[in-house]
Amino acid sequence: SPAGIVLSVLVILLLSVLYEAVKMGKAVLLRRALLALPRSLSQENLTEPQEGASGPAQGSLSLMAFPTFFPRWFWYHVGQTLFHVVQVVLGYVVMLAVMSYNAWIFLGAIAGSTLGYFM
């Protein structure tokens, strides 16, 4: 029906816009993660020890194997991973819709991708 195809094209258009938004969000998170990394990649700087914290001795196994907290750059990396999963799922959904070989669905995916990149 005409209403069904219009609704399908709009859904694919919105999914394509969302795909582009997630792609840009992932790039922003990457920039923030790179800024959060310490300049020196030594073990002490990567775990960002808190001042005044009474913990095990400097070279002990428990400090090296199991940090008690996660540094800020780690959470940015977790966010990037989640954004990547959403981006892959959206990409496959849009690809599956395009593989229906419907010209209107294809044009909706192209228009959504264009609009999402423009925004």
PDB file of N, CA and C in Angstrom:
ATOM      1  N   SER A   1       0.842  -1.186   0.000  1.00  0.00           N
ATOM      2  CA  SER A   1       0.000   0.000   0.000  1.00  0.00           C
ATOM      3  C   SER A   1       0.888   1.250   0.000  1.00  0.00           C
ATOM      4  N   PRO A   2       0.392   2.337  -0.526  1.00  0.00           N
ATOM      5  CA  PRO A   2       1.185   3.577  -0.577  1.00  0.00           C
ATOM      6  C   PRO A   2       1.564   4.104   0.810  1.00  0.00           C
ATOM      7  N   ALA A   3       0.668   3.986   1.767  1.00  0.00           N
ATOM      8  CA  ALA A   3       0.977   4.472   3.120  1.00  0.00           C
ATOM      9  C   ALA A   3       2.081   3.623   3.754  1.00  0.00           C
ATOM     10  N   GLY A   4       2.064   2.335   3.502  1.00  0.00           N
ATOM     11  CA  GLY A   4       3.088   1.446   4.041  1.00  0.00           C
ATOM     12  C   GLY A   4       4.464   1.733   3.467  1.00  0.00           C
ATOM     13  N   ILE A   5       4.529   2.008   2.178  1.00  0.00           N
ATOM     14  CA  ILE A   5       5.827   2.291   1.572  1.00  0.00           C
ATOM     15  C   ILE A   5       6.355   3.644   2.033  1.00  0.00           C
ATOM     16  N   VAL A   6       5.460   4.612   2.199  1.00  0.00           N
ATOM     17  CA  VAL A   6       5.889   5.933   2.698  1.00  0.00           C
ATOM     18  C   VAL A   6       6.428   5.803   4.119  1.00  0.00           C
ATOM     19  N   LEU A   7       5.746   5.035   4.946  1.00  0.00           N
ATOM     20  CA  LEU A   7       6.212   4.822   6.312  1.00  0.00           C
ATOM     21  C   LEU A   7       7.551   4.080   6.323  1.00  0.00           C
ATOM     22  N   SER A   8       7.698   3.103   5.457  1.00  0.00           N
ATOM     23  CA  SER A   8       8.960   2.365   5.371  1.00  0.00           C
ATOM     24  C   SER A   8      10.109   3.267   4.942  1.00  0.00           C
ATOM     25  N   VAL A   9       9.854   4.118   3.963  1.00  0.00           N
ATOM     26  CA  VAL A   9      10.897   5.036   3.494  1.00  0.00           C
ATOM     27  C   VAL A   9      11.279   6.007   4.604  1.00  0.00           C
ATOM     28  N   LEU A  10      10.295   6.501   5.347  1.00  0.00           N
ATOM     29  CA  LEU A  10      10.598   7.423   6.451  1.00  0.00           C
ATOM     30  C   LEU A  10      11.394   6.741   7.559  1.00  0.00           C
ATOM     31  N   VAL A  11      11.070   5.498   7.863  1.00  0.00           N
ATOM     32  CA  VAL A  11      11.816   4.769   8.897  1.00  0.00           C
ATOM     33  C   VAL A  11      13.254   4.554   8.446  1.00  0.00           C
ATOM     34  N   ILE A  12      13.463   4.171   7.212  1.00  0.00           N
ATOM     35  CA  ILE A  12      14.818   3.965   6.699  1.00  0.00           C
ATOM     36  C   ILE A  12      15.570   5.291   6.650  1.00  0.00           C
ATOM     37  N   LEU A  13      14.885   6.351   6.271  1.00  0.00           N
ATOM     38  CA  LEU A  13      15.507   7.670   6.264  1.00  0.00           C
ATOM     39  C   LEU A  13      15.981   8.046   7.669  1.00  0.00           C
ATOM     40  N   LEU A  14      15.137   7.844   8.671  1.00  0.00           N
ATOM     41  CA  LEU A  14      15.513   8.170  10.047  1.00  0.00           C
ATOM     42  C   LEU A  14      16.631   7.268  10.563  1.00  0.00           C
ATOM     43  N   LEU A  15      16.602   5.989  10.195  1.00  0.00           N
ATOM     44  CA  LEU A  15      17.688   5.089  10.596  1.00  0.00           C
ATOM     45  C   LEU A  15      19.016   5.508   9.969  1.00  0.00           C
ATOM     46  N   SER A  16      18.972   5.980   8.736  1.00  0.00           N
ATOM     47  CA  SER A  16      20.200   6.445   8.078  1.00  0.00           C
ATOM     48  C   SER A  16      20.726   7.714   8.738  1.00  0.00           C
ATOM     49  N   VAL A  17      19.827   8.612   9.118  1.00  0.00           N
ATOM     50  CA  VAL A  17      20.240   9.824   9.840  1.00  0.00           C
ATOM     51  C   VAL A  17      20.852   9.440  11.181  1.00  0.00           C
ATOM     52  N   LEU A  18      20.229   8.505  11.876  1.00  0.00           N
ATOM     53  CA  LEU A  18      20.754   8.056  13.168  1.00  0.00           C
ATOM     54  C   LEU A  18      22.122   7.401  13.001  1.00  0.00           C
ATOM     55  N   TYR A  19      22.308   6.642  11.925  1.00  0.00           N
ATOM     56  CA  TYR A  19      23.604   6.027  11.654  1.00  0.00           C
ATOM     57  C   TYR A  19      24.696   7.088  11.536  1.00  0.00           C
ATOM     58  N   GLU A  20      24.411   8.149  10.792  1.00  0.00           N
ATOM     59  CA  GLU A  20      25.397   9.223  10.630  1.00  0.00           C
ATOM     60  C   GLU A  20      25.635   9.951  11.955  1.00  0.00           C
ATOM     61  N   ALA A  21      24.588  10.122  12.760  1.00  0.00           N
ATOM     62  CA  ALA A  21      24.755  10.783  14.062  1.00  0.00           C
ATOM     63  C   ALA A  21      25.632   9.947  14.991  1.00  0.00           C
ATOM     64  N   VAL A  22      25.434   8.646  14.980  1.00  0.00           N
ATOM     65  CA  VAL A  22      26.253   7.761  15.813  1.00  0.00           C
ATOM     66  C   VAL A  22      27.696   7.798  15.340  1.00  0.00           C
ATOM     67  N   LYS A  23      27.891   7.854  14.030  1.00  0.00           N
ATOM     68  CA  LYS A  23      29.247   7.926  13.484  1.00  0.00           C
ATOM     69  C   LYS A  23      29.951   9.195  13.957  1.00  0.00           C
ATOM     70  N   MET A  24      29.254  10.301  13.975  1.00  0.00           N
ATOM     71  CA  MET A  24      29.852  11.552  14.455  1.00  0.00           C
ATOM     72  C   MET A  24      30.068  11.517  15.965  1.00  0.00           C
ATOM     73  N   GLY A  25      29.136  10.919  16.701  1.00  0.00           N
ATOM     74  CA  GLY A  25      29.304  10.786  18.145  1.00  0.00           C
ATOM     75  C   GLY A  25      30.520   9.953  18.493  1.00  0.00           C
ATOM     76  N   LYS A  26      30.771   8.934  17.705  1.00  0.00           N
ATOM     77  CA  LYS A  26      31.943   8.090  17.923  1.00  0.00           C
ATOM     78  C   LYS A  26      33.230   8.883  17.691  1.00  0.00           C
ATOM     79  N   ALA A  27      33.233   9.760  16.708  1.00  0.00           N
ATOM     80  CA  ALA A  27      34.411  10.587  16.435  1.00  0.00           C
ATOM     81  C   ALA A  27      34.655  11.580  17.573  1.00  0.00           C
ATOM     82  N   VAL A  28      33.582  12.142  18.122  1.00  0.00           N
ATOM     83  CA  VAL A  28      33.726  13.074  19.245  1.00  0.00           C
ATOM     84  C   VAL A  28      34.270  12.344  20.466  1.00  0.00           C
ATOM     85  N   LEU A  29      33.766  11.155  20.723  1.00  0.00           N
ATOM     86  CA  LEU A  29      34.258  10.381  21.856  1.00  0.00           C
ATOM     87  C   LEU A  29      35.720   9.996  21.676  1.00  0.00           C
ATOM     88  N   LEU A  30      36.134   9.702  20.452  1.00  0.00           N
ATOM     89  CA  LEU A  30      37.533   9.378  20.200  1.00  0.00           C
ATOM     90  C   LEU A  30      38.429  10.570  20.530  1.00  0.00           C
ATOM     91  N   ARG A  31      38.000  11.761  20.133  1.00  0.00           N
ATOM     92  CA  ARG A  31      38.788  12.956  20.427  1.00  0.00           C
ATOM     93  C   ARG A  31      38.902  13.166  21.930  1.00  0.00           C
ATOM     94  N   ARG A  32      37.796  12.985  22.653  1.00  0.00           N
ATOM     95  CA  ARG A  32      37.831  13.136  24.115  1.00  0.00           C
ATOM     96  C   ARG A  32      38.701  12.069  24.774  1.00  0.00           C
ATOM     97  N   ALA A  33      38.649  10.856  24.246  1.00  0.00           N
ATOM     98  CA  ALA A  33      39.472   9.781  24.808  1.00  0.00           C
ATOM     99  C   ALA A  33      40.950  10.070  24.601  1.00  0.00           C
ATOM    100  N   LEU A  34      41.294  10.585  23.441  1.00  0.00           N
ATOM    101  CA  LEU A  34      42.697  10.903  23.185  1.00  0.00           C
ATOM    102  C   LEU A  34      43.178  12.048  24.078  1.00  0.00           C
ATOM    103  N   LEU A  35      42.303  13.008  24.356  1.00  0.00           N
ATOM    104  CA  LEU A  35      42.680  14.096  25.250  1.00  0.00           C
ATOM    105  C   LEU A  35      42.779  13.624  26.694  1.00  0.00           C
ATOM    106  N   ALA A  36      42.053  12.573  27.052  1.00  0.00           N
ATOM    107  CA  ALA A  36      42.069  12.067  28.429  1.00  0.00           C
ATOM    108  C   ALA A  36      43.266  11.175  28.695  1.00  0.00           C
ATOM    109  N   LEU A  37      43.909  10.671  27.643  1.00  0.00           N
ATOM    110  CA  LEU A  37      45.082   9.827  27.843  1.00  0.00           C
ATOM    111  C   LEU A  37      46.228  10.655  28.420  1.00  0.00           C
ATOM    112  N   PRO A  38      46.965  10.093  29.350  1.00  0.00           N
ATOM    113  CA  PRO A  38      48.130  10.824  29.868  1.00  0.00           C
ATOM    114  C   PRO A  38      49.218  10.894  28.805  1.00  0.00           C
ATOM    115  N   ARG A  39      50.069  11.902  28.916  1.00  0.00           N
ATOM    116  CA  ARG A  39      51.150  12.059  27.933  1.00  0.00           C
ATOM    117  C   ARG A  39      52.149  10.911  28.018  1.00  0.00           C
ATOM    118  N   SER A  40      52.381  10.423  29.224  1.00  0.00           N
ATOM    119  CA  SER A  40      53.284   9.305  29.419  1.00  0.00           C
ATOM    120  C   SER A  40      52.450   8.052  29.636  1.00  0.00           C
ATOM    121  N   LEU A  41      52.766   6.987  28.954  1.00  0.00           N
ATOM    122  CA  LEU A  41      51.968   5.775  29.046  1.00  0.00           C
ATOM    123  C   LEU A  41      52.558   4.772  30.037  1.00  0.00           C
ATOM    124  N   SER A  42      53.124   5.272  31.111  1.00  0.00           N
ATOM    125  CA  SER A  42      53.634   4.359  32.133  1.00  0.00           C
ATOM    126  C   SER A  42      52.466   3.787  32.929  1.00  0.00           C
ATOM    127  N   GLN A  43      52.699   2.691  33.630  1.00  0.00           N
ATOM    128  CA  GLN A  43      51.630   2.028  34.394  1.00  0.00           C
ATOM    129  C   GLN A  43      51.055   2.964  35.447  1.00  0.00           C
ATOM    130  N   GLU A  44      51.900   3.775  36.082  1.00  0.00           N
ATOM    131  CA  GLU A  44      51.411   4.674  37.131  1.00  0.00           C
ATOM    132  C   GLU A  44      50.462   5.719  36.559  1.00  0.00           C
ATOM    133  N   ASN A  45      50.759   6.255  35.382  1.00  0.00           N
ATOM    134  CA  ASN A  45      49.906   7.270  34.791  1.00  0.00           C
ATOM    135  C   ASN A  45      48.625   6.684  34.218  1.00  0.00           C
ATOM    136  N   LEU A  46      48.676   5.473  33.713  1.00  0.00           N
ATOM    137  CA  LEU A  46      47.470   4.867  33.133  1.00  0.00           C
ATOM    138  C   LEU A  46      46.441   4.536  34.207  1.00  0.00           C
ATOM    139  N   THR A  47      46.886   4.150  35.395  1.00  0.00           N
ATOM    140  CA  THR A  47      45.930   3.822  36.444  1.00  0.00           C
ATOM    141  C   THR A  47      45.545   5.033  37.267  1.00  0.00           C
ATOM    142  N   GLU A  48      46.199   6.176  37.042  1.00  0.00           N
ATOM    143  CA  GLU A  48      45.902   7.425  37.732  1.00  0.00           C
ATOM    144  C   GLU A  48      45.716   7.218  39.229  1.00  0.00           C
ATOM    145  N   PRO A  49      46.774   6.941  39.976  1.00  0.00           N
ATOM    146  CA  PRO A  49      46.623   6.711  41.414  1.00  0.00           C
ATOM    147  C   PRO A  49      46.119   7.963  42.110  1.00  0.00           C
ATOM    148  N   GLN A  50      45.266   7.768  43.080  1.00  0.00           N
ATOM    149  CA  GLN A  50      44.720   8.889  43.826  1.00  0.00           C
ATOM    150  C   GLN A  50      45.718   9.304  44.893  1.00  0.00           C
ATOM    151  N   GLU A  51      45.792  10.605  45.112  1.00  0.00           N
ATOM    152  CA  GLU A  51      46.733  11.104  46.093  1.00  0.00           C
ATOM    153  C   GLU A  51      46.259  10.748  47.486  1.00  0.00           C
ATOM    154  N   GLY A  52      47.187  10.295  48.315  1.00  0.00           N
ATOM    155  CA  GLY A  52      46.866   9.975  49.697  1.00  0.00           C
ATOM    156  C   GLY A  52      46.189   8.638  49.873  1.00  0.00           C
ATOM    157  N   ALA A  53      46.024   7.875  48.790  1.00  0.00           N
ATOM    158  CA  ALA A  53      45.370   6.575  48.916  1.00  0.00           C
ATOM    159  C   ALA A  53      46.360   5.586  49.516  1.00  0.00           C
ATOM    160  N   SER A  54      45.928   4.862  50.525  1.00  0.00           N
ATOM    161  CA  SER A  54      46.808   3.863  51.115  1.00  0.00           C
ATOM    162  C   SER A  54      46.533   2.541  50.431  1.00  0.00           C
ATOM    163  N   GLY A  55      47.458   2.132  49.591  1.00  0.00           N
ATOM    164  CA  GLY A  55      47.270   0.900  48.830  1.00  0.00           C
ATOM    165  C   GLY A  55      48.472   0.019  48.995  1.00  0.00           C
ATOM    166  N   PRO A  56      48.550  -1.052  48.236  1.00  0.00           N
ATOM    167  CA  PRO A  56      49.688  -1.951  48.296  1.00  0.00           C
ATOM    168  C   PRO A  56      50.969  -1.249  47.842  1.00  0.00           C
ATOM    169  N   ALA A  57      52.077  -1.911  48.075  1.00  0.00           N
ATOM    170  CA  ALA A  57      53.370  -1.355  47.690  1.00  0.00           C
ATOM    171  C   ALA A  57      53.420  -1.128  46.194  1.00  0.00           C
ATOM    172  N   GLN A  58      54.367  -0.307  45.761  1.00  0.00           N
ATOM    173  CA  GLN A  58      54.414   0.157  44.375  1.00  0.00           C
ATOM    174  C   GLN A  58      54.500  -0.971  43.357  1.00  0.00           C
ATOM    175  N   GLY A  59      55.248  -2.008  43.563  1.00  0.00           N
ATOM    176  CA  GLY A  59      55.403  -3.034  42.541  1.00  0.00           C
ATOM    177  C   GLY A  59      54.636  -4.303  42.828  1.00  0.00           C
ATOM    178  N   SER A  60      53.652  -4.261  43.693  1.00  0.00           N
ATOM    179  CA  SER A  60      52.975  -5.493  44.085  1.00  0.00           C
ATOM    180  C   SER A  60      52.070  -6.009  42.974  1.00  0.00           C
ATOM    181  N   LEU A  61      51.794  -7.279  43.017  1.00  0.00           N
ATOM    182  CA  LEU A  61      51.013  -7.939  41.978  1.00  0.00           C
ATOM    183  C   LEU A  61      49.559  -7.485  41.990  1.00  0.00           C
ATOM    184  N   SER A  62      48.999  -7.257  43.167  1.00  0.00           N
ATOM    185  CA  SER A  62      47.582  -6.909  43.219  1.00  0.00           C
ATOM    186  C   SER A  62      47.319  -5.542  42.606  1.00  0.00           C
ATOM    187  N   LEU A  63      48.248  -4.605  42.709  1.00  0.00           N
ATOM    188  CA  LEU A  63      48.059  -3.296  42.100  1.00  0.00           C
ATOM    189  C   LEU A  63      48.135  -3.404  40.578  1.00  0.00           C
ATOM    190  N   MET A  64      49.029  -4.234  40.089  1.00  0.00           N
ATOM    191  CA  MET A  64      49.205  -4.347  38.645  1.00  0.00           C
ATOM    192  C   MET A  64      48.070  -5.144  37.998  1.00  0.00           C
ATOM    193  N   ALA A  65      47.532  -6.121  38.674  1.00  0.00           N
ATOM    194  CA  ALA A  65      46.553  -7.011  38.060  1.00  0.00           C
ATOM    195  C   ALA A  65      45.121  -6.502  38.194  1.00  0.00           C
ATOM    196  N   PHE A  66      44.765  -5.931  39.307  1.00  0.00           N
ATOM    197  CA  PHE A  66      43.384  -5.539  39.559  1.00  0.00           C
ATOM    198  C   PHE A  66      43.318  -4.115  40.089  1.00  0.00           C
ATOM    199  N   PRO A  67      43.220  -3.113  39.211  1.00  0.00           N
ATOM    200  CA  PRO A  67      43.072  -1.754  39.727  1.00  0.00           C
ATOM    201  C   PRO A  67      41.727  -1.602  40.423  1.00  0.00           C
ATOM    202  N   THR A  68      41.683  -0.771  41.432  1.00  0.00           N
ATOM    203  CA  THR A  68      40.452  -0.618  42.211  1.00  0.00           C
ATOM    204  C   THR A  68      39.456   0.311  41.534  1.00  0.00           C
ATOM    205  N   PHE A  69      39.866   1.038  40.542  1.00  0.00           N
ATOM    206  CA  PHE A  69      38.961   1.912  39.811  1.00  0.00           C
ATOM    207  C   PHE A  69      39.414   1.959  38.359  1.00  0.00           C
ATOM    208  N   PHE A  70      38.571   2.496  37.512  1.00  0.00           N
ATOM    209  CA  PHE A  70      38.923   2.608  36.107  1.00  0.00           C
ATOM    210  C   PHE A  70      39.173   4.074  35.787  1.00  0.00           C
ATOM    211  N   PRO A  71      40.234   4.376  35.059  1.00  0.00           N
ATOM    212  CA  PRO A  71      40.521   5.765  34.717  1.00  0.00           C
ATOM    213  C   PRO A  71      39.523   6.300  33.698  1.00  0.00           C
ATOM    214  N   ARG A  72      39.556   7.602  33.531  1.00  0.00           N
ATOM    215  CA  ARG A  72      38.595   8.284  32.670  1.00  0.00           C
ATOM    216  C   ARG A  72      38.687   7.810  31.220  1.00  0.00           C
ATOM    217  N   TRP A  73      39.911   7.605  30.712  1.00  0.00           N
ATOM    218  CA  TRP A  73      40.047   7.178  29.323  1.00  0.00           C
ATOM    219  C   TRP A  73      39.413   5.821  29.093  1.00  0.00           C
ATOM    220  N   PHE A  74      39.363   4.957  30.114  1.00  0.00           N
ATOM    221  CA  PHE A  74      38.740   3.642  29.964  1.00  0.00           C
ATOM    222  C   PHE A  74      37.240   3.788  29.710  1.00  0.00           C
ATOM    223  N   TRP A  75      36.591   4.711  30.415  1.00  0.00           N
ATOM    224  CA  TRP A  75      35.152   4.901  30.226  1.00  0.00           C
ATOM    225  C   TRP A  75      34.851   5.484  28.854  1.00  0.00           C
ATOM    226  N   TYR A  76      35.751   6.331  28.349  1.00  0.00           N
ATOM    227  CA  TYR A  76      35.578   6.818  26.974  1.00  0.00           C
ATOM    228  C   TYR A  76      35.681   5.660  25.984  1.00  0.00           C
ATOM    229  N   HIS A  77      36.579   4.732  26.258  1.00  0.00           N
ATOM    230  CA  HIS A  77      36.731   3.570  25.382  1.00  0.00           C
ATOM    231  C   HIS A  77      35.484   2.672  25.437  1.00  0.00           C
ATOM    232  N   VAL A  78      34.903   2.514  26.621  1.00  0.00           N
ATOM    233  CA  VAL A  78      33.657   1.746  26.744  1.00  0.00           C
ATOM    234  C   VAL A  78      32.549   2.431  25.938  1.00  0.00           C
ATOM    235  N   GLY A  79      32.476   3.749  26.033  1.00  0.00           N
ATOM    236  CA  GLY A  79      31.482   4.498  25.256  1.00  0.00           C
ATOM    237  C   GLY A  79      31.681   4.332  23.759  1.00  0.00           C
ATOM    238  N   GLN A  80      32.941   4.375  23.322  1.00  0.00           N
ATOM    239  CA  GLN A  80      33.233   4.170  21.911  1.00  0.00           C
ATOM    240  C   GLN A  80      32.805   2.775  21.460  1.00  0.00           C
ATOM    241  N   THR A  81      33.024   1.788  22.309  1.00  0.00           N
ATOM    242  CA  THR A  81      32.635   0.422  21.964  1.00  0.00           C
ATOM    243  C   THR A  81      31.129   0.309  21.801  1.00  0.00           C
ATOM    244  N   LEU A  82      30.380   0.916  22.719  1.00  0.00           N
ATOM    245  CA  LEU A  82      28.916   0.879  22.619  1.00  0.00           C
ATOM    246  C   LEU A  82      28.433   1.613  21.373  1.00  0.00           C
ATOM    247  N   PHE A  83      29.036   2.766  21.078  1.00  0.00           N
ATOM    248  CA  PHE A  83      28.679   3.492  19.866  1.00  0.00           C
ATOM    249  C   PHE A  83      28.977   2.644  18.628  1.00  0.00           C
ATOM    250  N   HIS A  84      30.086   1.909  18.654  1.00  0.00           N
ATOM    251  CA  HIS A  84      30.447   1.070  17.514  1.00  0.00           C
ATOM    252  C   HIS A  84      29.420  -0.045  17.297  1.00  0.00           C
ATOM    253  N   VAL A  85      28.985  -0.663  18.390  1.00  0.00           N
ATOM    254  CA  VAL A  85      27.980  -1.731  18.271  1.00  0.00           C
ATOM    255  C   VAL A  85      26.688  -1.179  17.680  1.00  0.00           C
ATOM    256  N   VAL A  86      26.242  -0.021  18.160  1.00  0.00           N
ATOM    257  CA  VAL A  86      25.015   0.594  17.633  1.00  0.00           C
ATOM    258  C   VAL A  86      25.197   0.938  16.158  1.00  0.00           C
ATOM    259  N   GLN A  87      26.379   1.454  15.796  1.00  0.00           N
ATOM    260  CA  GLN A  87      26.636   1.816  14.404  1.00  0.00           C
ATOM    261  C   GLN A  87      26.608   0.588  13.497  1.00  0.00           C
ATOM    262  N   VAL A  88      27.190  -0.504  13.933  1.00  0.00           N
ATOM    263  CA  VAL A  88      27.202  -1.725  13.119  1.00  0.00           C
ATOM    264  C   VAL A  88      25.787  -2.270  12.952  1.00  0.00           C
ATOM    265  N   VAL A  89      25.019  -2.299  14.028  1.00  0.00           N
ATOM    266  CA  VAL A  89      23.643  -2.808  13.948  1.00  0.00           C
ATOM    267  C   VAL A  89      22.810  -1.939  13.006  1.00  0.00           C
ATOM    268  N   LEU A  90      22.909  -0.621  13.158  1.00  0.00           N
ATOM    269  CA  LEU A  90      22.147   0.270  12.272  1.00  0.00           C
ATOM    270  C   LEU A  90      22.582   0.096  10.818  1.00  0.00           C
ATOM    271  N   GLY A  91      23.867  -0.049  10.593  1.00  0.00           N
ATOM    272  CA  GLY A  91      24.360  -0.240   9.231  1.00  0.00           C
ATOM    273  C   GLY A  91      23.814  -1.501   8.587  1.00  0.00           C
ATOM    274  N   TYR A  92      23.790  -2.584   9.368  1.00  0.00           N
ATOM    275  CA  TYR A  92      23.259  -3.833   8.822  1.00  0.00           C
ATOM    276  C   TYR A  92      21.745  -3.758   8.591  1.00  0.00           C
ATOM    277  N   VAL A  93      21.025  -3.059   9.443  1.00  0.00           N
ATOM    278  CA  VAL A  93      19.574  -2.921   9.248  1.00  0.00           C
ATOM    279  C   VAL A  93      19.290  -2.132   7.980  1.00  0.00           C
ATOM    280  N   VAL A  94      20.014  -1.028   7.785  1.00  0.00           N
ATOM    281  CA  VAL A  94      19.818  -0.225   6.572  1.00  0.00           C
ATOM    282  C   VAL A  94      20.233  -1.030   5.337  1.00  0.00           C
ATOM    283  N   MET A  95      21.332  -1.769   5.433  1.00  0.00           N
ATOM    284  CA  MET A  95      21.767  -2.591   4.309  1.00  0.00           C
ATOM    285  C   MET A  95      20.718  -3.657   3.970  1.00  0.00           C
ATOM    286  N   LEU A  96      20.154  -4.263   5.002  1.00  0.00           N
ATOM    287  CA  LEU A  96      19.131  -5.282   4.775  1.00  0.00           C
ATOM    288  C   LEU A  96      17.911  -4.682   4.077  1.00  0.00           C
ATOM    289  N   ALA A  97      17.540  -3.464   4.479  1.00  0.00           N
ATOM    290  CA  ALA A  97      16.404  -2.803   3.835  1.00  0.00           C
ATOM    291  C   ALA A  97      16.715  -2.481   2.379  1.00  0.00           C
ATOM    292  N   VAL A  98      17.928  -2.006   2.120  1.00  0.00           N
ATOM    293  CA  VAL A  98      18.317  -1.682   0.746  1.00  0.00           C
ATOM    294  C   VAL A  98      18.344  -2.948  -0.107  1.00  0.00           C
ATOM    295  N   MET A  99      18.709  -4.068   0.487  1.00  0.00           N
ATOM    296  CA  MET A  99      18.776  -5.316  -0.269  1.00  0.00           C
ATOM    297  C   MET A  99      17.390  -5.871  -0.611  1.00  0.00           C
ATOM    298  N   SER A 100      16.339  -5.178  -0.224  1.00  0.00           N
ATOM    299  CA  SER A 100      14.998  -5.563  -0.669  1.00  0.00           C
ATOM    300  C   SER A 100      14.791  -5.180  -2.134  1.00  0.00           C
ATOM    301  N   TYR A 101      15.748  -4.444  -2.706  1.00  0.00           N
ATOM    302  CA  TYR A 101      15.727  -4.023  -4.106  1.00  0.00           C
ATOM    303  C   TYR A 101      14.506  -3.166  -4.442  1.00  0.00           C
ATOM    304  N   ASN A 102      14.099  -2.377  -3.476  1.00  0.00           N
ATOM    305  CA  ASN A 102      13.031  -1.417  -3.692  1.00  0.00           C
ATOM    306  C   ASN A 102      13.682  -0.055  -3.911  1.00  0.00           C
ATOM    307  N   ALA A 103      13.377   0.584  -5.028  1.00  0.00           N
ATOM    308  CA  ALA A 103      14.018   1.857  -5.369  1.00  0.00           C
ATOM    309  C   ALA A 103      13.685   2.947  -4.352  1.00  0.00           C
ATOM    310  N   TRP A 104      12.460   2.956  -3.828  1.00  0.00           N
ATOM    311  CA  TRP A 104      12.079   3.993  -2.858  1.00  0.00           C
ATOM    312  C   TRP A 104      12.835   3.825  -1.541  1.00  0.00           C
ATOM    313  N   ILE A 105      13.003   2.584  -1.110  1.00  0.00           N
ATOM    314  CA  ILE A 105      13.773   2.319   0.112  1.00  0.00           C
ATOM    315  C   ILE A 105      15.224   2.749  -0.101  1.00  0.00           C
ATOM    316  N   PHE A 106      15.758   2.434  -1.272  1.00  0.00           N
ATOM    317  CA  PHE A 106      17.130   2.831  -1.591  1.00  0.00           C
ATOM    318  C   PHE A 106      17.280   4.350  -1.563  1.00  0.00           C
ATOM    319  N   LEU A 107      16.337   5.058  -2.177  1.00  0.00           N
ATOM    320  CA  LEU A 107      16.392   6.523  -2.175  1.00  0.00           C
ATOM    321  C   LEU A 107      16.226   7.090  -0.767  1.00  0.00           C
ATOM    322  N   GLY A 108      15.406   6.438   0.060  1.00  0.00           N
ATOM    323  CA  GLY A 108      15.265   6.868   1.454  1.00  0.00           C
ATOM    324  C   GLY A 108      16.558   6.706   2.232  1.00  0.00           C
ATOM    325  N   ALA A 109      17.283   5.609   1.982  1.00  0.00           N
ATOM    326  CA  ALA A 109      18.569   5.384   2.660  1.00  0.00           C
ATOM    327  C   ALA A 109      19.595   6.417   2.208  1.00  0.00           C
ATOM    328  N   ILE A 110      19.624   6.715   0.921  1.00  0.00           N
ATOM    329  CA  ILE A 110      20.562   7.715   0.396  1.00  0.00           C
ATOM    330  C   ILE A 110      20.219   9.106   0.944  1.00  0.00           C
ATOM    331  N   ALA A 111      18.932   9.456   0.924  1.00  0.00           N
ATOM    332  CA  ALA A 111      18.520  10.770   1.431  1.00  0.00           C
ATOM    333  C   ALA A 111      18.813  10.890   2.928  1.00  0.00           C
ATOM    334  N   GLY A 112      18.566   9.835   3.687  1.00  0.00           N
ATOM    335  CA  GLY A 112      18.845   9.868   5.121  1.00  0.00           C
ATOM    336  C   GLY A 112      20.326   9.990   5.415  1.00  0.00           C
ATOM    337  N   SER A 113      21.140   9.294   4.654  1.00  0.00           N
ATOM    338  CA  SER A 113      22.586   9.387   4.832  1.00  0.00           C
ATOM    339  C   SER A 113      23.082  10.790   4.490  1.00  0.00           C
ATOM    340  N   THR A 114      22.553  11.354   3.434  1.00  0.00           N
ATOM    341  CA  THR A 114      22.927  12.717   3.036  1.00  0.00           C
ATOM    342  C   THR A 114      22.495  13.727   4.083  1.00  0.00           C
ATOM    343  N   LEU A 115      21.264  13.612   4.530  1.00  0.00           N
ATOM    344  CA  LEU A 115      20.745  14.535   5.542  1.00  0.00           C
ATOM    345  C   LEU A 115      21.505  14.385   6.861  1.00  0.00           C
ATOM    346  N   GLY A 116      21.790  13.168   7.258  1.00  0.00           N
ATOM    347  CA  GLY A 116      22.535  12.944   8.493  1.00  0.00           C
ATOM    348  C   GLY A 116      23.942  13.496   8.441  1.00  0.00           C
ATOM    349  N   TYR A 117      24.613  13.367   7.303  1.00  0.00           N
ATOM    350  CA  TYR A 117      25.950  13.923   7.158  1.00  0.00           C
ATOM    351  C   TYR A 117      25.910  15.444   7.151  1.00  0.00           C
ATOM    352  N   PHE A 118      24.887  16.007   6.524  1.00  0.00           N
ATOM    353  CA  PHE A 118      24.760  17.463   6.449  1.00  0.00           C
ATOM    354  C   PHE A 118      24.528  18.073   7.817  1.00  0.00           C
ATOM    355  N   MET A 119      23.751  17.353   8.658  1.00  0.00           N
ATOM    356  CA  MET A 119      23.443  17.903   9.984  1.00  0.00           C
ATOM    357  C   MET A 119      24.672  17.780  10.845  1.00  0.00           C
TER     358      MET A 119
END
